[in-house]
Structure formats: structure tokens, C-alpha cells
Amino acid sequence: RGAPSPDVVLVSDLLHHVPPSERESLLRDVRALAGDRPLQLVVKDVAPGGLRARLGVLADRYVSGDRGVELLTPDAACELVRRVFPELQPTATPLLERDAPNYCLVFAAPSGRVE
């Protein structure tokens, strides 16, 4: 018997470090981890555009050495998650308005939050 399946998975400031061609595979691994249980997925990342986002990309590339960093918009993140978790509905939090370019999306089954 394996480890218990999670109720919630947080993917924080990670997707922009994963090559676009591998992002769907990463989420498929998350789906496999959850098994048949309902899952709530929280995606926090950075939207492209603006000085803060550009400075963050430059820091990732030239300070941390991640030359492949590529930001994705909240819409692109929703599309990505929908391909792997079509049953989950996205809800945006107010983070983008409060602290742009940061955003946070919560994906849950239409019945509501995982308890």
C-alpha cells in the first residue's frame, strides 16, 4: 500500500521553470499522485509583462542560472491545467490585483472545496 493521496497540491513559482514541452507531463504526474480522489490544485506563478516580471526573469536566468525560464499568463496556466484536469474549475484569487505580476489560481471540482 502506498502513501496517502493528497487533498490539495500547491504548485508555487514552479511552472515558469519547467520547459513548456514538459509542463503537461508534470501535471500528469500530479494527477497520478492523486489517484481517484478529488483534488484541489493551487497554482501560484508570475505573469509576463512589466518591470517586476522582467527583473525576475533576468534574476532567474543570470543569478540562479535557469536560462530556460519562461513565464506564462494566468490564461495559459488555466489552459494547461484544463488539459490534464478537465473536471476542475479555476477561480482566480485577488493576488494579481494586489501584487502583480504574481497570480494565484485555485482549481477545484464544481461541487466546491475539498474537505
Protein backbone atom coordinates (compact mmCIF):
# COMPACT_ATOMS: atom_id res chain seq x y z
CA ARG A 1 0.00 0.00 0.00
CA GLY A 2 1.37 3.41 -0.99
CA ALA A 3 1.36 6.78 0.68
CA PRO A 4 -1.98 8.54 1.13
CA SER A 5 -3.17 10.69 -1.76
CA PRO A 6 -3.14 14.45 -1.17
CA ASP A 7 -6.30 16.55 -0.97
CA VAL A 8 -4.50 19.71 -2.09
CA VAL A 9 -1.40 20.24 -4.21
CA LEU A 10 0.37 23.61 -4.28
CA VAL A 11 2.48 24.40 -7.34
CA SER A 12 4.20 27.62 -6.32
CA ASP A 13 6.59 29.56 -8.56
CA LEU A 14 7.46 26.38 -10.39
CA LEU A 15 5.75 26.27 -13.79
CA HIS A 16 7.86 29.07 -15.27
CA HIS A 17 10.96 26.97 -14.54
CA VAL A 18 9.56 23.89 -16.30
CA PRO A 19 10.11 23.82 -20.08
CA PRO A 20 6.75 24.34 -21.83
CA SER A 21 7.03 20.94 -23.50
CA GLU A 22 7.26 19.25 -20.06
CA ARG A 23 4.60 21.17 -18.12
CA GLU A 24 1.72 18.89 -19.06
CA SER A 25 3.78 15.86 -18.04
CA LEU A 26 4.43 17.42 -14.64
CA LEU A 27 0.70 17.91 -14.10
CA ARG A 28 0.03 14.35 -15.27
CA ASP A 29 2.39 13.19 -12.51
CA VAL A 30 0.35 15.26 -10.02
CA ARG A 31 -2.82 13.65 -11.33
CA ALA A 32 -1.30 10.18 -10.87
CA LEU A 33 -0.30 11.11 -7.33
CA ALA A 34 -3.91 12.00 -6.51
CA GLY A 35 -5.26 8.74 -7.89
CA ASP A 36 -9.04 8.60 -7.99
CA ARG A 37 -9.52 11.01 -5.11
CA PRO A 38 -10.82 14.54 -5.69
CA LEU A 39 -8.04 17.06 -5.73
CA GLN A 40 -7.75 20.79 -5.28
CA LEU A 41 -4.84 22.29 -7.22
CA VAL A 42 -3.39 25.70 -6.34
CA VAL A 43 -1.11 27.34 -8.90
CA LYS A 44 0.88 30.41 -7.87
CA ASP A 45 3.14 31.87 -10.53
CA VAL A 46 4.28 35.07 -12.23
CA ALA A 47 2.60 36.66 -15.25
CA PRO A 48 4.74 38.10 -18.04
CA GLY A 49 4.81 41.84 -18.66
CA GLY A 50 6.02 44.77 -16.65
CA LEU A 51 9.28 45.65 -14.96
CA ARG A 52 8.96 43.32 -11.96
CA ALA A 53 8.32 40.30 -14.16
CA ARG A 54 11.23 41.18 -16.44
CA LEU A 55 13.59 41.68 -13.50
CA GLY A 56 12.50 38.33 -12.07
CA VAL A 57 13.21 36.59 -15.36
CA LEU A 58 16.63 38.22 -15.56
CA ALA A 59 17.40 37.16 -11.98
CA ASP A 60 16.32 33.59 -12.75
CA ARG A 61 18.44 33.49 -15.88
CA TYR A 62 21.59 35.26 -14.72
CA VAL A 63 21.65 34.84 -10.95
CA SER A 64 20.18 31.35 -10.46
CA GLY A 65 21.30 30.14 -13.89
CA ASP A 66 17.94 28.96 -15.24
CA ARG A 67 18.38 30.02 -18.86
CA GLY A 68 15.11 28.35 -19.92
CA VAL A 69 12.76 30.26 -17.65
CA GLU A 70 9.54 31.22 -19.47
CA LEU A 71 6.63 32.96 -17.75
CA LEU A 72 3.05 32.00 -18.52
CA THR A 73 -0.10 34.06 -18.27
CA PRO A 74 -2.95 33.09 -15.95
CA ASP A 75 -4.97 32.14 -19.06
CA ALA A 76 -2.16 29.87 -20.27
CA ALA A 77 -1.98 28.26 -16.81
CA CYS A 78 -5.74 27.64 -16.91
CA GLU A 79 -5.50 26.08 -20.36
CA LEU A 80 -2.62 23.86 -19.24
CA VAL A 81 -4.45 22.64 -16.14
CA ARG A 82 -7.70 22.07 -18.11
CA ARG A 83 -5.89 19.69 -20.47
CA VAL A 84 -4.92 17.43 -17.56
CA PHE A 85 -7.75 18.13 -15.11
CA PRO A 86 -10.81 18.91 -17.27
CA GLU A 87 -13.11 18.34 -14.28
CA LEU A 88 -11.55 21.17 -12.24
CA GLN A 89 -12.81 24.74 -12.50
CA PRO A 90 -10.42 27.68 -11.97
CA THR A 91 -11.00 30.51 -9.56
CA ALA A 92 -8.63 33.47 -9.52
CA THR A 93 -7.61 34.94 -6.21
CA PRO A 94 -7.04 38.71 -5.86
CA LEU A 95 -3.25 38.27 -5.77
CA LEU A 96 -2.72 39.64 -9.30
CA GLU A 97 -4.52 42.87 -8.40
CA ARG A 98 -2.72 43.17 -5.06
CA ASP A 99 0.78 42.11 -6.04
CA ALA A 100 1.19 41.99 -9.83
CA PRO A 101 2.76 40.18 -11.61
CA ASN A 102 2.14 37.41 -9.07
CA TYR A 103 -1.07 35.43 -9.51
CA CYS A 104 -2.76 32.54 -7.78
CA LEU A 105 -5.40 30.24 -9.26
CA VAL A 106 -7.36 27.63 -7.34
CA PHE A 107 -8.69 24.68 -9.32
CA ALA A 108 -11.42 22.62 -7.70
CA ALA A 109 -14.33 20.39 -8.63
CA PRO A 110 -17.52 22.39 -9.27
CA SER A 111 -19.05 20.90 -6.11
CA GLY A 112 -16.72 23.08 -4.05
CA ARG A 113 -13.59 22.81 -1.99
CA VAL A 114 -12.04 19.55 -0.96
CA GLU A 115 -12.77 18.96 2.71
